[in-house]
Amino acid sequence: MELNAVLRKRRMIRAFKPKSVEKEKIWRIIENANRSPSAGHLEPQEFIVVTHPTVKRRLAEAALNQMFIAEAPVVIVVCADPRRNVWRYRERGRIFYCTIDGAFASMLILLTAVDEGLGAAFIGAFDDKKVAEALDLPEEVRPIGIIPIGYSDEPPERLGRRPLKEKVHFNQWGNQASTITDLKEKLVKRSTQDPVI
């Protein structure tokens, strides 16, 4: 599927058909997640693929009783192992970079799931300790996101988005473009004002 189509089709899916997901699809999802960037290319991302009903139920309970997690055919838990980057980035690596690196991998999981004809959702609301216990994680390893995956059993909900003109700033906060024409003018005007180096 073309990238623009994947991006437009992606939605958070929370209801799944009772149909197993082919192992080849799961493997392609993991392979793509493994291509995600990481600070210093130190790759702290780890992936736990969960299909066991008891473990899925424990994850659902740890995620504030979001029981649709237990109903998904497969759940991928993205974790970060700061031991891989703390030696270089210290506390910023442990707290910030590991989270960002795990988020990058999670987004690739979501997008690849769509490309494979599947639905998925990113769950970030959970009790870290309970997730760690359910997965028997080493003490240093942090769960970043729980991603239930399967064949969608609900129509994708279309949510409105804030207009880009409210979100995009040029060169400094508050310098916004209200239309594409305004954007082009700001970019052209700014590029002619930049000093020659």
C-alpha atoms as a PDB file:
ATOM      1  CA  MET A   1       0.000   0.000   0.000  1.00  0.00           C
ATOM      2  CA  GLU A   2       1.248   3.515  -0.707  1.00  0.00           C
ATOM      3  CA  LEU A   3       2.433   5.450   2.372  1.00  0.00           C
ATOM      4  CA  ASN A   4      -0.184   8.212   2.050  1.00  0.00           C
ATOM      5  CA  ALA A   5      -2.941   5.588   1.918  1.00  0.00           C
ATOM      6  CA  VAL A   6      -1.557   3.831   5.006  1.00  0.00           C
ATOM      7  CA  LEU A   7      -1.387   7.122   6.927  1.00  0.00           C
ATOM      8  CA  ARG A   8      -4.954   8.041   6.000  1.00  0.00           C
ATOM      9  CA  LYS A   9      -6.293   4.588   6.810  1.00  0.00           C
ATOM     10  CA  ARG A  10      -4.622   4.258  10.228  1.00  0.00           C
ATOM     11  CA  ARG A  11      -7.062   4.396  13.133  1.00  0.00           C
ATOM     12  CA  MET A  12      -7.030   3.084  16.684  1.00  0.00           C
ATOM     13  CA  ILE A  13      -8.912  -0.236  16.552  1.00  0.00           C
ATOM     14  CA  ARG A  14     -10.253  -1.690  19.787  1.00  0.00           C
ATOM     15  CA  ALA A  15     -12.448  -4.567  18.556  1.00  0.00           C
ATOM     16  CA  PHE A  16     -11.042  -7.606  16.797  1.00  0.00           C
ATOM     17  CA  LYS A  17     -12.481 -10.583  14.952  1.00  0.00           C
ATOM     18  CA  PRO A  18     -11.763 -13.958  16.559  1.00  0.00           C
ATOM     19  CA  LYS A  19      -9.373 -14.789  13.736  1.00  0.00           C
ATOM     20  CA  SER A  20      -5.706 -15.540  14.214  1.00  0.00           C
ATOM     21  CA  VAL A  21      -3.092 -13.357  12.562  1.00  0.00           C
ATOM     22  CA  GLU A  22      -0.705 -15.085  10.204  1.00  0.00           C
ATOM     23  CA  LYS A  23       2.808 -15.513  11.604  1.00  0.00           C
ATOM     24  CA  GLU A  24       4.280 -14.010   8.425  1.00  0.00           C
ATOM     25  CA  LYS A  25       2.365 -10.776   9.012  1.00  0.00           C
ATOM     26  CA  ILE A  26       3.528 -10.552  12.613  1.00  0.00           C
ATOM     27  CA  TRP A  27       7.110 -11.161  11.527  1.00  0.00           C
ATOM     28  CA  ARG A  28       6.912  -8.403   8.864  1.00  0.00           C
ATOM     29  CA  ILE A  29       5.516  -6.031  11.506  1.00  0.00           C
ATOM     30  CA  ILE A  30       8.450  -6.800  13.814  1.00  0.00           C
ATOM     31  CA  GLU A  31      10.963  -6.522  10.962  1.00  0.00           C
ATOM     32  CA  ASN A  32       9.680  -3.033  10.120  1.00  0.00           C
ATOM     33  CA  ALA A  33       9.641  -1.978  13.776  1.00  0.00           C
ATOM     34  CA  ASN A  34      13.260  -3.054  13.942  1.00  0.00           C
ATOM     35  CA  ARG A  35      14.044  -0.469  11.237  1.00  0.00           C
ATOM     36  CA  SER A  36      13.027   2.392  13.518  1.00  0.00           C
ATOM     37  CA  PRO A  37      15.621   5.015  14.378  1.00  0.00           C
ATOM     38  CA  SER A  38      17.258   5.203  17.774  1.00  0.00           C
ATOM     39  CA  ALA A  39      19.531   7.712  19.480  1.00  0.00           C
ATOM     40  CA  GLY A  40      23.119   6.918  18.576  1.00  0.00           C
ATOM     41  CA  HIS A  41      21.840   3.807  16.769  1.00  0.00           C
ATOM     42  CA  LEU A  42      22.037   2.009  20.124  1.00  0.00           C
ATOM     43  CA  GLU A  43      18.684   0.235  19.619  1.00  0.00           C
ATOM     44  CA  PRO A  44      17.216  -0.064  23.125  1.00  0.00           C
ATOM     45  CA  GLN A  45      13.893  -1.275  21.662  1.00  0.00           C
ATOM     46  CA  GLU A  46      12.725  -4.774  22.561  1.00  0.00           C
ATOM     47  CA  PHE A  47       9.542  -6.502  21.355  1.00  0.00           C
ATOM     48  CA  ILE A  48       7.510  -9.054  23.268  1.00  0.00           C
ATOM     49  CA  VAL A  49       4.938 -10.855  21.120  1.00  0.00           C
ATOM     50  CA  VAL A  50       2.111 -12.162  23.279  1.00  0.00           C
ATOM     51  CA  THR A  51      -0.467 -14.744  22.188  1.00  0.00           C
ATOM     52  CA  HIS A  52      -1.021 -16.619  25.461  1.00  0.00           C
ATOM     53  CA  PRO A  53      -4.533 -15.867  26.801  1.00  0.00           C
ATOM     54  CA  THR A  54      -3.449 -15.597  30.435  1.00  0.00           C
ATOM     55  CA  VAL A  55      -0.654 -13.144  29.666  1.00  0.00           C
ATOM     56  CA  LYS A  56      -2.956 -11.057  27.451  1.00  0.00           C
ATOM     57  CA  ARG A  57      -5.522 -10.945  30.262  1.00  0.00           C
ATOM     58  CA  ARG A  58      -2.869  -9.815  32.752  1.00  0.00           C
ATOM     59  CA  LEU A  59      -1.781  -7.074  30.327  1.00  0.00           C
ATOM     60  CA  ALA A  60      -5.397  -5.948  29.928  1.00  0.00           C
ATOM     61  CA  GLU A  61      -5.808  -5.769  33.702  1.00  0.00           C
ATOM     62  CA  ALA A  62      -2.517  -3.864  34.014  1.00  0.00           C
ATOM     63  CA  ALA A  63      -3.824  -1.441  31.383  1.00  0.00           C
ATOM     64  CA  LEU A  64      -6.631  -0.212  33.641  1.00  0.00           C
ATOM     65  CA  ASN A  65      -8.880  -3.135  32.681  1.00  0.00           C
ATOM     66  CA  GLN A  66      -8.984  -2.372  28.960  1.00  0.00           C
ATOM     67  CA  MET A  67     -10.178  -5.902  28.245  1.00  0.00           C
ATOM     68  CA  PHE A  68     -10.146  -5.563  24.456  1.00  0.00           C
ATOM     69  CA  ILE A  69      -6.396  -6.121  24.787  1.00  0.00           C
ATOM     70  CA  ALA A  70      -7.094  -9.674  25.976  1.00  0.00           C
ATOM     71  CA  GLU A  71      -9.433 -10.222  23.013  1.00  0.00           C
ATOM     72  CA  ALA A  72      -6.831  -9.311  20.370  1.00  0.00           C
ATOM     73  CA  PRO A  73      -5.266 -12.337  18.674  1.00  0.00           C
ATOM     74  CA  VAL A  74      -1.784 -10.940  19.250  1.00  0.00           C
ATOM     75  CA  VAL A  75      -0.320  -8.207  21.420  1.00  0.00           C
ATOM     76  CA  ILE A  76       3.093  -6.667  20.911  1.00  0.00           C
ATOM     77  CA  VAL A  77       4.596  -4.931  23.906  1.00  0.00           C
ATOM     78  CA  VAL A  78       7.329  -2.483  23.006  1.00  0.00           C
ATOM     79  CA  CYS A  79       9.921  -2.148  25.738  1.00  0.00           C
ATOM     80  CA  ALA A  80      13.106  -0.160  26.164  1.00  0.00           C
ATOM     81  CA  ASP A  81      16.284  -1.445  27.726  1.00  0.00           C
ATOM     82  CA  PRO A  82      18.217   1.649  28.883  1.00  0.00           C
ATOM     83  CA  ARG A  83      21.294  -0.470  29.584  1.00  0.00           C
ATOM     84  CA  ARG A  84      21.900  -0.209  25.840  1.00  0.00           C
ATOM     85  CA  ASN A  85      22.233   3.593  25.813  1.00  0.00           C
ATOM     86  CA  VAL A  86      22.739   4.889  29.351  1.00  0.00           C
ATOM     87  CA  TRP A  87      26.503   4.439  29.057  1.00  0.00           C
ATOM     88  CA  ARG A  88      26.544   7.097  26.356  1.00  0.00           C
ATOM     89  CA  TYR A  89      23.576   9.336  27.199  1.00  0.00           C
ATOM     90  CA  ARG A  90      23.264   8.850  30.958  1.00  0.00           C
ATOM     91  CA  GLU A  91      19.928   9.942  32.466  1.00  0.00           C
ATOM     92  CA  ARG A  92      18.694  11.546  29.245  1.00  0.00           C
ATOM     93  CA  GLY A  93      19.183   8.188  27.541  1.00  0.00           C
ATOM     94  CA  ARG A  94      17.422   6.312  30.333  1.00  0.00           C
ATOM     95  CA  ILE A  95      14.429   8.627  30.620  1.00  0.00           C
ATOM     96  CA  PHE A  96      13.985  10.438  27.307  1.00  0.00           C
ATOM     97  CA  TYR A  97      15.761   8.675  24.441  1.00  0.00           C
ATOM     98  CA  CYS A  98      14.499   5.229  25.424  1.00  0.00           C
ATOM     99  CA  THR A  99      10.924   6.507  25.400  1.00  0.00           C
ATOM    100  CA  ILE A 100      11.315   8.236  22.041  1.00  0.00           C
ATOM    101  CA  ASP A 101      13.029   5.205  20.500  1.00  0.00           C
ATOM    102  CA  GLY A 102      10.216   2.963  21.729  1.00  0.00           C
ATOM    103  CA  ALA A 103       7.628   5.399  20.359  1.00  0.00           C
ATOM    104  CA  PHE A 104       9.293   5.348  16.925  1.00  0.00           C
ATOM    105  CA  ALA A 105       9.145   1.545  16.883  1.00  0.00           C
ATOM    106  CA  SER A 106       5.523   1.608  18.054  1.00  0.00           C
ATOM    107  CA  MET A 107       4.489   3.910  15.225  1.00  0.00           C
ATOM    108  CA  LEU A 108       6.086   1.596  12.684  1.00  0.00           C
ATOM    109  CA  ILE A 109       4.143  -1.306  14.210  1.00  0.00           C
ATOM    110  CA  LEU A 110       0.882   0.634  13.851  1.00  0.00           C
ATOM    111  CA  LEU A 111       1.599   1.605  10.244  1.00  0.00           C
ATOM    112  CA  THR A 112       2.782  -1.845   9.202  1.00  0.00           C
ATOM    113  CA  ALA A 113      -0.318  -3.415  10.753  1.00  0.00           C
ATOM    114  CA  VAL A 114      -2.461  -1.210   8.486  1.00  0.00           C
ATOM    115  CA  ASP A 115      -0.319  -2.144   5.494  1.00  0.00           C
ATOM    116  CA  GLU A 116      -0.904  -5.816   6.338  1.00  0.00           C
ATOM    117  CA  GLY A 117      -4.696  -5.320   6.431  1.00  0.00           C
ATOM    118  CA  LEU A 118      -4.861  -5.401  10.233  1.00  0.00           C
ATOM    119  CA  GLY A 119      -6.092  -3.080  12.946  1.00  0.00           C
ATOM    120  CA  ALA A 120      -4.118  -2.012  16.004  1.00  0.00           C
ATOM    121  CA  ALA A 121      -4.116   0.446  18.887  1.00  0.00           C
ATOM    122  CA  PHE A 122      -1.349   1.977  20.959  1.00  0.00           C
ATOM    123  CA  ILE A 123      -2.019   1.703  24.693  1.00  0.00           C
ATOM    124  CA  GLY A 124       0.074   3.872  26.964  1.00  0.00           C
ATOM    125  CA  ALA A 125      -2.192   3.877  30.024  1.00  0.00           C
ATOM    126  CA  PHE A 126      -0.954   1.025  32.183  1.00  0.00           C
ATOM    127  CA  ASP A 127       0.692   0.168  35.473  1.00  0.00           C
ATOM    128  CA  ASP A 128       4.367  -0.308  34.602  1.00  0.00           C
ATOM    129  CA  LYS A 129       4.998  -2.672  37.495  1.00  0.00           C
ATOM    130  CA  LYS A 130       2.066  -4.949  36.608  1.00  0.00           C
ATOM    131  CA  VAL A 131       3.124  -5.081  32.957  1.00  0.00           C
ATOM    132  CA  ALA A 132       6.677  -5.899  34.019  1.00  0.00           C
ATOM    133  CA  GLU A 133       5.387  -8.691  36.267  1.00  0.00           C
ATOM    134  CA  ALA A 134       3.130 -10.116  33.541  1.00  0.00           C
ATOM    135  CA  LEU A 135       6.059 -10.269  31.113  1.00  0.00           C
ATOM    136  CA  ASP A 136       8.787 -11.131  33.637  1.00  0.00           C
ATOM    137  CA  LEU A 137      10.812  -8.117  32.528  1.00  0.00           C
ATOM    138  CA  PRO A 138      14.265  -7.501  33.983  1.00  0.00           C
ATOM    139  CA  GLU A 139      14.232  -4.696  36.537  1.00  0.00           C
ATOM    140  CA  GLU A 140      15.935  -2.214  34.200  1.00  0.00           C
ATOM    141  CA  VAL A 141      13.610  -2.793  31.216  1.00  0.00           C
ATOM    142  CA  ARG A 142      10.650  -0.417  30.824  1.00  0.00           C
ATOM    143  CA  PRO A 143       7.407  -1.093  28.957  1.00  0.00           C
ATOM    144  CA  ILE A 144       6.686   1.741  26.501  1.00  0.00           C
ATOM    145  CA  GLY A 145       3.463   0.642  24.833  1.00  0.00           C
ATOM    146  CA  ILE A 146       1.007  -2.228  24.560  1.00  0.00           C
ATOM    147  CA  ILE A 147      -0.205  -2.782  20.995  1.00  0.00           C
ATOM    148  CA  PRO A 148      -3.111  -5.194  20.432  1.00  0.00           C
ATOM    149  CA  ILE A 149      -3.307  -6.331  16.795  1.00  0.00           C
ATOM    150  CA  GLY A 150      -5.848  -8.264  14.775  1.00  0.00           C
ATOM    151  CA  TYR A 151      -8.455  -8.127  12.072  1.00  0.00           C
ATOM    152  CA  SER A 152     -10.750  -5.203  12.819  1.00  0.00           C
ATOM    153  CA  ASP A 153     -14.290  -5.917  13.925  1.00  0.00           C
ATOM    154  CA  GLU A 154     -15.419  -2.303  14.048  1.00  0.00           C
ATOM    155  CA  PRO A 155     -15.751   0.511  11.551  1.00  0.00           C
ATOM    156  CA  PRO A 156     -12.811   2.877  11.950  1.00  0.00           C
ATOM    157  CA  GLU A 157     -13.887   6.014  13.797  1.00  0.00           C
ATOM    158  CA  ARG A 158     -12.992   9.211  11.994  1.00  0.00           C
ATOM    159  CA  LEU A 159     -11.882  11.827  14.450  1.00  0.00           C
ATOM    160  CA  GLY A 160     -11.544  15.478  13.570  1.00  0.00           C
ATOM    161  CA  ARG A 161      -8.158  17.140  13.754  1.00  0.00           C
ATOM    162  CA  ARG A 162      -7.105  20.644  14.631  1.00  0.00           C
ATOM    163  CA  PRO A 163      -6.422  22.670  11.501  1.00  0.00           C
ATOM    164  CA  LEU A 164      -2.776  22.783  10.475  1.00  0.00           C
ATOM    165  CA  LYS A 165      -2.866  26.563  10.571  1.00  0.00           C
ATOM    166  CA  GLU A 166      -3.237  26.264  14.361  1.00  0.00           C
ATOM    167  CA  LYS A 167      -0.364  23.796  14.731  1.00  0.00           C
ATOM    168  CA  VAL A 168       2.364  24.859  12.321  1.00  0.00           C
ATOM    169  CA  HIS A 169       4.739  27.670  13.248  1.00  0.00           C
ATOM    170  CA  PHE A 170       7.558  29.022  11.070  1.00  0.00           C
ATOM    171  CA  ASN A 171      10.912  29.886  12.580  1.00  0.00           C
ATOM    172  CA  GLN A 172       9.321  30.854  15.899  1.00  0.00           C
ATOM    173  CA  TRP A 173       6.208  30.252  17.965  1.00  0.00           C
ATOM    174  CA  GLY A 174       3.172  32.164  16.748  1.00  0.00           C
ATOM    175  CA  ASN A 175       4.311  32.763  13.174  1.00  0.00           C
ATOM    176  CA  GLN A 176       1.532  30.712  11.609  1.00  0.00           C
ATOM    177  CA  ALA A 177       0.261  30.259   8.059  1.00  0.00           C
ATOM    178  CA  SER A 178      -3.497  30.324   7.535  1.00  0.00           C
ATOM    179  CA  THR A 179      -3.510  28.848   4.002  1.00  0.00           C
ATOM    180  CA  ILE A 180      -1.199  26.990   1.647  1.00  0.00           C
ATOM    181  CA  THR A 181      -0.713  30.258  -0.256  1.00  0.00           C
ATOM    182  CA  ASP A 182       0.268  32.001   2.977  1.00  0.00           C
ATOM    183  CA  LEU A 183       2.649  29.133   3.718  1.00  0.00           C
ATOM    184  CA  LYS A 184       4.329  29.490   0.319  1.00  0.00           C
ATOM    185  CA  GLU A 185       4.666  33.253   0.781  1.00  0.00           C
ATOM    186  CA  LYS A 186       6.209  32.834   4.235  1.00  0.00           C
ATOM    187  CA  LEU A 187       8.683  30.249   2.961  1.00  0.00           C
ATOM    188  CA  VAL A 188       9.683  32.333  -0.079  1.00  0.00           C
ATOM    189  CA  LYS A 189       9.865  35.562   1.920  1.00  0.00           C
ATOM    190  CA  ARG A 190      11.927  33.943   4.643  1.00  0.00           C
ATOM    191  CA  SER A 191      14.347  32.270   2.236  1.00  0.00           C
ATOM    192  CA  THR A 192      15.078  35.643   0.528  1.00  0.00           C
ATOM    193  CA  GLN A 193      15.759  37.243   3.921  1.00  0.00           C
ATOM    194  CA  ASP A 194      18.211  34.614   5.095  1.00  0.00           C
ATOM    195  CA  PRO A 195      21.805  35.836   5.082  1.00  0.00           C
ATOM    196  CA  VAL A 196      24.164  34.369   2.532  1.00  0.00           C
ATOM    197  CA  ILE A 197      26.780  32.199   4.207  1.00  0.00           C
END
